[in-house]
Amino acid sequence: MFEKKQITSNPQHIAFIMDGNGRWAKKQGKPRTYGHYMGTYKIEDVVRWCSNIGVKYTTFYVFSTENWKRPPEEINFIFNLLVEKIEEFYERMNKENVRLRFIGRLEELPDNVKAKCFEYEEKTKDNGKIQAILAINYGGRSEIVDAVKNMLNEDNHHIDEQTFRNYLYAPDVPDPDLVIRTSGEMRISNFLLWEIAYSEFYFSNLLWPEFSEEELKRAIEAYQGRDRRFGGLNRNG
């Protein structure tokens, strides 16, 4: 007779690879930029849904270090949209005790984007219900390289996992329990390479603007049915 599997509790940290904005827009007969526009509203929805079920951290892959290869007009639209929507997001989410954070090579962003990120990090730093972390100009390999550079700059030769972790972009944030990628693609795409070593994955066929509260619940139910052993054995060996 099979032993009953131990149920995994609710995830504390969910990370999202938001894929499919352009394809969704094309399905609507709209330009790719319309997909990005609608996708920003989905971030706000997802933060609220996660907050309502007790998730404490959400990380969203907004703009990667590789996304600079896209057409300049699309890049400019994304950055202008970020500046506009971060302020709107703050006006609503601040009332719900959401803390906004930003990770990545922020110093390389346009000045207006960088200033907006720093402004709203400061404004929400004391909010404590849930953190919404936006990865902008982010790459997992870049984060590891930057951590090594900072260790060398400080002449720190005491190297172990915890010491290294202290040099990551957000060392106080626990690793994601669950990573959700939309659009049916099954790739990591250089996202949180250090942090997702033992994360569970859920690949949704929905495009990001289509992502729903019901799909989030399905992802969490799938996560809860898994036996997280972190390289060890379960209770039954």
C-alpha atoms as a PDB file:
ATOM      1  CA  MET A   1       0.000   0.000   0.000  1.00  0.00           C
ATOM      2  CA  PHE A   2       1.354   3.442  -0.935  1.00  0.00           C
ATOM      3  CA  GLU A   3       2.214   5.843   1.873  1.00  0.00           C
ATOM      4  CA  LYS A   4       0.402   9.171   1.808  1.00  0.00           C
ATOM      5  CA  LYS A   5       2.704  11.962   0.594  1.00  0.00           C
ATOM      6  CA  GLN A   6       3.379  14.827   2.968  1.00  0.00           C
ATOM      7  CA  ILE A   7       1.579  17.986   1.804  1.00  0.00           C
ATOM      8  CA  THR A   8       3.765  21.024   1.200  1.00  0.00           C
ATOM      9  CA  SER A   9       2.471  24.222   2.793  1.00  0.00           C
ATOM     10  CA  ASN A  10       1.717  27.502   1.022  1.00  0.00           C
ATOM     11  CA  PRO A  11       4.743  29.045  -0.714  1.00  0.00           C
ATOM     12  CA  GLN A  12       6.327  32.000   1.041  1.00  0.00           C
ATOM     13  CA  HIS A  13       7.919  33.373  -2.135  1.00  0.00           C
ATOM     14  CA  ILE A  14       6.621  33.015  -5.703  1.00  0.00           C
ATOM     15  CA  ALA A  15       8.656  34.235  -8.679  1.00  0.00           C
ATOM     16  CA  PHE A  16       7.065  34.902 -12.067  1.00  0.00           C
ATOM     17  CA  ILE A  17       8.556  34.758 -15.555  1.00  0.00           C
ATOM     18  CA  MET A  18       5.968  36.852 -17.342  1.00  0.00           C
ATOM     19  CA  ASP A  19       6.043  35.540 -20.892  1.00  0.00           C
ATOM     20  CA  GLY A  20       3.651  36.085 -23.767  1.00  0.00           C
ATOM     21  CA  ASN A  21       2.725  39.780 -23.781  1.00  0.00           C
ATOM     22  CA  GLY A  22       3.614  40.192 -27.451  1.00  0.00           C
ATOM     23  CA  ARG A  23       1.887  37.000 -28.569  1.00  0.00           C
ATOM     24  CA  TRP A  24      -1.233  37.936 -26.619  1.00  0.00           C
ATOM     25  CA  ALA A  25      -1.330  41.343 -28.310  1.00  0.00           C
ATOM     26  CA  LYS A  26      -0.913  39.744 -31.721  1.00  0.00           C
ATOM     27  CA  LYS A  27      -3.904  37.489 -31.002  1.00  0.00           C
ATOM     28  CA  GLN A  28      -5.916  40.650 -30.321  1.00  0.00           C
ATOM     29  CA  GLY A  29      -4.730  42.238 -33.565  1.00  0.00           C
ATOM     30  CA  LYS A  30      -2.790  44.827 -31.554  1.00  0.00           C
ATOM     31  CA  PRO A  31       0.890  45.898 -31.521  1.00  0.00           C
ATOM     32  CA  ARG A  32       3.314  44.235 -29.088  1.00  0.00           C
ATOM     33  CA  THR A  33       3.359  47.367 -26.950  1.00  0.00           C
ATOM     34  CA  TYR A  34      -0.322  46.849 -26.123  1.00  0.00           C
ATOM     35  CA  GLY A  35       0.587  43.490 -24.611  1.00  0.00           C
ATOM     36  CA  HIS A  36       3.181  45.115 -22.370  1.00  0.00           C
ATOM     37  CA  TYR A  37       0.632  47.734 -21.344  1.00  0.00           C
ATOM     38  CA  MET A  38      -1.919  45.129 -20.280  1.00  0.00           C
ATOM     39  CA  GLY A  39       0.767  42.958 -18.703  1.00  0.00           C
ATOM     40  CA  THR A  40       1.642  45.678 -16.188  1.00  0.00           C
ATOM     41  CA  TYR A  41      -1.889  45.598 -14.782  1.00  0.00           C
ATOM     42  CA  LYS A  42      -1.576  41.840 -14.322  1.00  0.00           C
ATOM     43  CA  ILE A  43       1.360  42.369 -11.942  1.00  0.00           C
ATOM     44  CA  GLU A  44      -0.875  44.366  -9.634  1.00  0.00           C
ATOM     45  CA  ASP A  45      -3.585  41.691  -9.767  1.00  0.00           C
ATOM     46  CA  VAL A  46      -1.116  38.913  -8.984  1.00  0.00           C
ATOM     47  CA  VAL A  47       0.398  40.779  -6.025  1.00  0.00           C
ATOM     48  CA  ARG A  48      -3.083  41.231  -4.572  1.00  0.00           C
ATOM     49  CA  TRP A  49      -4.021  37.574  -5.119  1.00  0.00           C
ATOM     50  CA  CYS A  50      -0.788  36.407  -3.519  1.00  0.00           C
ATOM     51  CA  SER A  51      -1.208  38.778  -0.591  1.00  0.00           C
ATOM     52  CA  ASN A  52      -4.715  37.489   0.047  1.00  0.00           C
ATOM     53  CA  ILE A  53      -3.447  33.922   0.541  1.00  0.00           C
ATOM     54  CA  GLY A  54      -0.510  34.844   2.735  1.00  0.00           C
ATOM     55  CA  VAL A  55       2.415  34.860   0.280  1.00  0.00           C
ATOM     56  CA  LYS A  56       5.080  37.248   1.606  1.00  0.00           C
ATOM     57  CA  TYR A  57       7.313  37.775  -1.449  1.00  0.00           C
ATOM     58  CA  THR A  58       6.673  38.009  -5.186  1.00  0.00           C
ATOM     59  CA  THR A  59       9.360  38.583  -7.808  1.00  0.00           C
ATOM     60  CA  PHE A  60       8.552  39.554 -11.400  1.00  0.00           C
ATOM     61  CA  TYR A  61      10.961  39.283 -14.346  1.00  0.00           C
ATOM     62  CA  VAL A  62      10.220  42.635 -15.987  1.00  0.00           C
ATOM     63  CA  PHE A  63      13.226  43.368 -18.209  1.00  0.00           C
ATOM     64  CA  SER A  64      16.271  41.157 -18.666  1.00  0.00           C
ATOM     65  CA  THR A  65      19.842  42.096 -19.525  1.00  0.00           C
ATOM     66  CA  GLU A  66      19.173  40.367 -22.857  1.00  0.00           C
ATOM     67  CA  ASN A  67      16.075  42.462 -23.626  1.00  0.00           C
ATOM     68  CA  TRP A  68      18.290  45.329 -24.822  1.00  0.00           C
ATOM     69  CA  LYS A  69      18.438  43.390 -28.107  1.00  0.00           C
ATOM     70  CA  ARG A  70      14.808  44.318 -28.815  1.00  0.00           C
ATOM     71  CA  PRO A  71      13.852  47.232 -31.105  1.00  0.00           C
ATOM     72  CA  PRO A  72      14.627  50.634 -29.509  1.00  0.00           C
ATOM     73  CA  GLU A  73      11.026  51.790 -29.819  1.00  0.00           C
ATOM     74  CA  GLU A  74       9.811  48.769 -27.821  1.00  0.00           C
ATOM     75  CA  ILE A  75      12.477  49.308 -25.142  1.00  0.00           C
ATOM     76  CA  ASN A  76      11.566  52.983 -24.824  1.00  0.00           C
ATOM     77  CA  PHE A  77       7.887  52.109 -24.537  1.00  0.00           C
ATOM     78  CA  ILE A  78       8.598  49.601 -21.749  1.00  0.00           C
ATOM     79  CA  PHE A  79      10.663  52.087 -19.745  1.00  0.00           C
ATOM     80  CA  ASN A  80       8.159  54.924 -20.162  1.00  0.00           C
ATOM     81  CA  LEU A  81       5.403  52.544 -19.157  1.00  0.00           C
ATOM     82  CA  LEU A  82       7.351  51.525 -16.052  1.00  0.00           C
ATOM     83  CA  VAL A  83       7.743  55.123 -14.942  1.00  0.00           C
ATOM     84  CA  GLU A  84       4.015  55.715 -15.376  1.00  0.00           C
ATOM     85  CA  LYS A  85       2.782  52.467 -13.852  1.00  0.00           C
ATOM     86  CA  ILE A  86       5.139  52.353 -10.861  1.00  0.00           C
ATOM     87  CA  GLU A  87       3.528  55.566  -9.622  1.00  0.00           C
ATOM     88  CA  GLU A  88       0.014  54.247 -10.265  1.00  0.00           C
ATOM     89  CA  PHE A  89       0.914  50.954  -8.606  1.00  0.00           C
ATOM     90  CA  TYR A  90       2.146  52.824  -5.548  1.00  0.00           C
ATOM     91  CA  GLU A  91      -1.050  54.849  -5.204  1.00  0.00           C
ATOM     92  CA  ARG A  92      -3.124  51.679  -4.915  1.00  0.00           C
ATOM     93  CA  MET A  93      -0.745  49.175  -3.392  1.00  0.00           C
ATOM     94  CA  ASN A  94       0.628  51.435  -0.662  1.00  0.00           C
ATOM     95  CA  LYS A  95      -2.830  51.378   0.941  1.00  0.00           C
ATOM     96  CA  GLU A  96      -2.550  47.581   1.026  1.00  0.00           C
ATOM     97  CA  ASN A  97       0.833  47.632   2.790  1.00  0.00           C
ATOM     98  CA  VAL A  98       2.829  46.428  -0.236  1.00  0.00           C
ATOM     99  CA  ARG A  99       6.574  47.056  -0.284  1.00  0.00           C
ATOM    100  CA  LEU A 100       8.096  47.796  -3.698  1.00  0.00           C
ATOM    101  CA  ARG A 101      11.662  46.693  -4.443  1.00  0.00           C
ATOM    102  CA  PHE A 102      13.825  46.571  -7.555  1.00  0.00           C
ATOM    103  CA  ILE A 103      16.736  44.293  -8.403  1.00  0.00           C
ATOM    104  CA  GLY A 104      19.153  44.206 -11.313  1.00  0.00           C
ATOM    105  CA  ARG A 105      21.792  46.507 -12.765  1.00  0.00           C
ATOM    106  CA  LEU A 106      19.709  49.550 -11.952  1.00  0.00           C
ATOM    107  CA  GLU A 107      22.635  51.931 -12.447  1.00  0.00           C
ATOM    108  CA  GLU A 108      22.465  51.208 -16.208  1.00  0.00           C
ATOM    109  CA  LEU A 109      18.805  52.229 -16.521  1.00  0.00           C
ATOM    110  CA  PRO A 110      17.715  55.605 -17.949  1.00  0.00           C
ATOM    111  CA  ASP A 111      17.917  58.276 -15.256  1.00  0.00           C
ATOM    112  CA  ASN A 112      14.151  58.763 -14.995  1.00  0.00           C
ATOM    113  CA  VAL A 113      13.534  55.027 -14.524  1.00  0.00           C
ATOM    114  CA  LYS A 114      16.325  54.695 -11.981  1.00  0.00           C
ATOM    115  CA  ALA A 115      15.075  57.688 -10.016  1.00  0.00           C
ATOM    116  CA  LYS A 116      11.535  56.293  -9.942  1.00  0.00           C
ATOM    117  CA  CYS A 117      12.753  52.929  -8.651  1.00  0.00           C
ATOM    118  CA  PHE A 118      14.742  54.518  -5.815  1.00  0.00           C
ATOM    119  CA  GLU A 119      11.902  56.920  -4.955  1.00  0.00           C
ATOM    120  CA  TYR A 120       9.282  54.228  -4.482  1.00  0.00           C
ATOM    121  CA  GLU A 121      11.584  51.805  -2.733  1.00  0.00           C
ATOM    122  CA  GLU A 122      12.117  54.525  -0.150  1.00  0.00           C
ATOM    123  CA  LYS A 123       8.422  55.427   0.076  1.00  0.00           C
ATOM    124  CA  THR A 124       7.345  51.828   0.744  1.00  0.00           C
ATOM    125  CA  LYS A 125      10.285  50.557   2.792  1.00  0.00           C
ATOM    126  CA  ASP A 126       8.202  50.236   5.959  1.00  0.00           C
ATOM    127  CA  ASN A 127       5.311  48.334   4.340  1.00  0.00           C
ATOM    128  CA  GLY A 128       5.234  44.765   5.559  1.00  0.00           C
ATOM    129  CA  LYS A 129       2.330  42.685   4.243  1.00  0.00           C
ATOM    130  CA  ILE A 130       3.972  41.538   1.001  1.00  0.00           C
ATOM    131  CA  GLN A 131       6.964  42.513  -1.118  1.00  0.00           C
ATOM    132  CA  ALA A 132       6.639  43.066  -4.868  1.00  0.00           C
ATOM    133  CA  ILE A 133      10.143  42.780  -6.300  1.00  0.00           C
ATOM    134  CA  LEU A 134      10.612  43.896  -9.900  1.00  0.00           C
ATOM    135  CA  ALA A 135      13.670  42.533 -11.719  1.00  0.00           C
ATOM    136  CA  ILE A 136      14.691  45.242 -14.206  1.00  0.00           C
ATOM    137  CA  ASN A 137      17.847  45.011 -16.326  1.00  0.00           C
ATOM    138  CA  TYR A 138      18.286  41.746 -14.485  1.00  0.00           C
ATOM    139  CA  GLY A 139      20.245  38.636 -15.416  1.00  0.00           C
ATOM    140  CA  GLY A 140      21.055  35.696 -13.198  1.00  0.00           C
ATOM    141  CA  ARG A 141      24.603  35.436 -14.517  1.00  0.00           C
ATOM    142  CA  SER A 142      25.098  39.190 -14.117  1.00  0.00           C
ATOM    143  CA  GLU A 143      23.958  38.966 -10.496  1.00  0.00           C
ATOM    144  CA  ILE A 144      26.538  36.255  -9.771  1.00  0.00           C
ATOM    145  CA  VAL A 145      29.294  38.204 -11.551  1.00  0.00           C
ATOM    146  CA  ASP A 146      28.370  41.377  -9.644  1.00  0.00           C
ATOM    147  CA  ALA A 147      28.436  39.483  -6.351  1.00  0.00           C
ATOM    148  CA  VAL A 148      31.932  38.176  -7.081  1.00  0.00           C
ATOM    149  CA  LYS A 149      33.143  41.654  -8.081  1.00  0.00           C
ATOM    150  CA  ASN A 150      31.799  43.149  -4.861  1.00  0.00           C
ATOM    151  CA  MET A 151      33.473  40.450  -2.789  1.00  0.00           C
ATOM    152  CA  LEU A 152      36.788  41.157  -4.507  1.00  0.00           C
ATOM    153  CA  ASN A 153      36.345  44.902  -4.063  1.00  0.00           C
ATOM    154  CA  GLU A 154      35.964  44.329  -0.337  1.00  0.00           C
ATOM    155  CA  ASP A 155      38.903  41.929  -0.350  1.00  0.00           C
ATOM    156  CA  ASN A 156      36.644  39.291   1.178  1.00  0.00           C
ATOM    157  CA  HIS A 157      38.268  35.874   0.840  1.00  0.00           C
ATOM    158  CA  HIS A 158      35.972  34.052   3.233  1.00  0.00           C
ATOM    159  CA  ILE A 159      33.927  32.194   0.637  1.00  0.00           C
ATOM    160  CA  ASP A 160      30.995  29.982   1.554  1.00  0.00           C
ATOM    161  CA  GLU A 161      27.361  29.944   0.429  1.00  0.00           C
ATOM    162  CA  GLN A 162      26.064  32.274   3.138  1.00  0.00           C
ATOM    163  CA  THR A 163      28.837  34.797   2.603  1.00  0.00           C
ATOM    164  CA  PHE A 164      28.224  34.752  -1.129  1.00  0.00           C
ATOM    165  CA  ARG A 165      24.493  35.179  -0.604  1.00  0.00           C
ATOM    166  CA  ASN A 166      25.150  38.404   1.283  1.00  0.00           C
ATOM    167  CA  TYR A 167      26.395  39.955  -1.974  1.00  0.00           C
ATOM    168  CA  LEU A 168      23.296  39.156  -4.048  1.00  0.00           C
ATOM    169  CA  TYR A 169      20.893  41.932  -5.046  1.00  0.00           C
ATOM    170  CA  ALA A 170      18.353  41.095  -2.302  1.00  0.00           C
ATOM    171  CA  PRO A 171      20.173  38.886   0.221  1.00  0.00           C
ATOM    172  CA  ASP A 172      17.441  39.199   2.850  1.00  0.00           C
ATOM    173  CA  VAL A 173      14.760  37.726   0.560  1.00  0.00           C
ATOM    174  CA  PRO A 174      14.242  33.954   0.905  1.00  0.00           C
ATOM    175  CA  ASP A 175      14.707  31.819  -2.186  1.00  0.00           C
ATOM    176  CA  PRO A 176      11.569  31.294  -4.280  1.00  0.00           C
ATOM    177  CA  ASP A 177       9.580  28.248  -3.272  1.00  0.00           C
ATOM    178  CA  LEU A 178       7.732  28.288  -6.584  1.00  0.00           C
ATOM    179  CA  VAL A 179       8.577  29.693 -10.010  1.00  0.00           C
ATOM    180  CA  ILE A 180       5.694  30.194 -12.442  1.00  0.00           C
ATOM    181  CA  ARG A 181       6.333  30.761 -16.145  1.00  0.00           C
ATOM    182  CA  THR A 182       3.518  31.613 -18.513  1.00  0.00           C
ATOM    183  CA  SER A 183       3.047  31.067 -22.276  1.00  0.00           C
ATOM    184  CA  GLY A 184       3.921  27.360 -22.331  1.00  0.00           C
ATOM    185  CA  GLU A 185       7.660  27.912 -22.645  1.00  0.00           C
ATOM    186  CA  MET A 186       9.833  25.727 -20.405  1.00  0.00           C
ATOM    187  CA  ARG A 187      13.006  27.721 -19.870  1.00  0.00           C
ATOM    188  CA  ILE A 188      14.657  29.546 -16.972  1.00  0.00           C
ATOM    189  CA  SER A 189      15.883  32.376 -19.234  1.00  0.00           C
ATOM    190  CA  ASN A 190      18.698  33.499 -16.920  1.00  0.00           C
ATOM    191  CA  PHE A 191      16.318  34.221 -14.024  1.00  0.00           C
ATOM    192  CA  LEU A 192      17.456  33.978 -10.381  1.00  0.00           C
ATOM    193  CA  LEU A 193      20.012  31.288 -11.189  1.00  0.00           C
ATOM    194  CA  TRP A 194      21.470  31.171  -7.682  1.00  0.00           C
ATOM    195  CA  GLU A 195      18.157  31.503  -5.863  1.00  0.00           C
ATOM    196  CA  ILE A 196      16.093  28.835  -7.666  1.00  0.00           C
ATOM    197  CA  ALA A 197      18.417  25.907  -6.975  1.00  0.00           C
ATOM    198  CA  TYR A 198      15.633  24.077  -5.102  1.00  0.00           C
ATOM    199  CA  SER A 199      12.542  25.900  -6.342  1.00  0.00           C
ATOM    200  CA  GLU A 200       9.543  24.057  -7.714  1.00  0.00           C
ATOM    201  CA  PHE A 201       8.363  24.994 -11.215  1.00  0.00           C
ATOM    202  CA  TYR A 202       4.937  25.414 -12.760  1.00  0.00           C
ATOM    203  CA  PHE A 203       4.613  26.058 -16.490  1.00  0.00           C
ATOM    204  CA  SER A 204       1.314  27.597 -17.539  1.00  0.00           C
ATOM    205  CA  ASN A 205       0.039  27.585 -21.104  1.00  0.00           C
ATOM    206  CA  LEU A 206      -1.708  30.910 -20.519  1.00  0.00           C
ATOM    207  CA  LEU A 207      -0.070  34.042 -21.894  1.00  0.00           C
ATOM    208  CA  TRP A 208       0.807  36.547 -19.174  1.00  0.00           C
ATOM    209  CA  PRO A 209      -2.137  38.946 -19.730  1.00  0.00           C
ATOM    210  CA  GLU A 210      -4.435  35.888 -19.538  1.00  0.00           C
ATOM    211  CA  PHE A 211      -3.034  34.673 -16.215  1.00  0.00           C
ATOM    212  CA  SER A 212      -5.858  34.335 -13.710  1.00  0.00           C
ATOM    213  CA  GLU A 213      -6.454  33.840 -10.013  1.00  0.00           C
ATOM    214  CA  GLU A 214      -7.714  30.353 -10.831  1.00  0.00           C
ATOM    215  CA  GLU A 215      -4.446  29.525 -12.596  1.00  0.00           C
ATOM    216  CA  LEU A 216      -2.480  30.813  -9.616  1.00  0.00           C
ATOM    217  CA  LYS A 217      -4.491  28.507  -7.370  1.00  0.00           C
ATOM    218  CA  ARG A 218      -3.789  25.572  -9.705  1.00  0.00           C
ATOM    219  CA  ALA A 219      -0.074  26.344  -9.557  1.00  0.00           C
ATOM    220  CA  ILE A 220      -0.134  26.466  -5.764  1.00  0.00           C
ATOM    221  CA  GLU A 221      -2.138  23.243  -5.553  1.00  0.00           C
ATOM    222  CA  ALA A 222       0.430  21.555  -7.801  1.00  0.00           C
ATOM    223  CA  TYR A 223       3.193  22.898  -5.564  1.00  0.00           C
ATOM    224  CA  GLN A 224       1.442  21.671  -2.426  1.00  0.00           C
ATOM    225  CA  GLY A 225       1.243  18.163  -3.861  1.00  0.00           C
ATOM    226  CA  ARG A 226       5.001  17.917  -4.274  1.00  0.00           C
ATOM    227  CA  ASP A 227       7.471  16.455  -1.810  1.00  0.00           C
ATOM    228  CA  ARG A 228      10.297  18.955  -1.332  1.00  0.00           C
ATOM    229  CA  ARG A 229      13.352  17.038  -0.083  1.00  0.00           C
ATOM    230  CA  PHE A 230      16.176  19.496  -0.853  1.00  0.00           C
ATOM    231  CA  GLY A 231      18.462  16.629  -1.788  1.00  0.00           C
ATOM    232  CA  GLY A 232      17.484  14.448   1.170  1.00  0.00           C
ATOM    233  CA  LEU A 233      14.877  11.757   1.663  1.00  0.00           C
ATOM    234  CA  ASN A 234      11.232  12.016   2.601  1.00  0.00           C
ATOM    235  CA  ARG A 235       9.929  10.742   5.913  1.00  0.00           C
ATOM    236  CA  ASN A 236       9.402   7.279   4.508  1.00  0.00           C
ATOM    237  CA  GLY A 237      12.905   7.022   3.088  1.00  0.00           C
END
